[in-house]
Amino acid sequence: MWRLSLPIETIDGWDIGASGTASVSANVGELMLQAAYNASPNYYCYGSTPTRTVLSTKEFRTRAILKTIATYTGFNAYLTTGPYSTGESEVHGVGWKITNGVLYAVHRSANGSGSTEYATEILNLAANTYYNLEVIYTPETSIEFYVNDVLVTTHDTNLPDTEYYFGNAFNVRFQTTAAGTHQMNLYSLYIQQSL
């Protein structure tokens, strides 16, 4: 196994982008994605860990601690392994989606001409609450999703094609769909890949 533990202190080396008043920043042990007060709809920001290729042919697990700051309408986010939310035709990956305060377990499987999102609704996120989110991927077998160390769902059909690399170990993307103050914080990213 190789292990990549990311106690966040800086975003040096990360691939970072943003529009409008949205931003990505880091404090000691904390990654903050934020759209400022009264941010216009569709402001977004994203960050990807420094490149360490995750293979779709190998078992891996990811773990991240998410803190919700408030419950929102107009708040969308992805926390994934793989180029999940880039808009490319061969989009694939596994992880989590947040839409209007609802957490989903998600994956996509690239087929060379686009992909379908497979999503399972998990729970309504509460304000000012920590969630320990973990994904365990076994190629061509299953993807297990855990919240606070409890298995909440398993995906075992239409799995990501092992022909493709997942690429960056961890990607986060945050987008507003309504005006307002929007923020989420991440702590202690952890990725483990079998040799």
Foldseek 3Di string as FASTA:
>chain_A
DDKDKDQDDFQVQKDKDWDDQWGWTHHGQKIKTKRAAQRAFWTKMKIFHHKDWAALQWKKKKKKKKWAAAQFAFKKKWKWQAPAPVPDQQHWTWGWMAHRQWIWGWTWAGDPGHTDIDIDTFGGHHHGDMWIWMWIDDRQAWIFIDIPNHTRDIDRPNHHDSVDIRITGIMMMMGGRHTGIGMMMMGIMMMDIDD
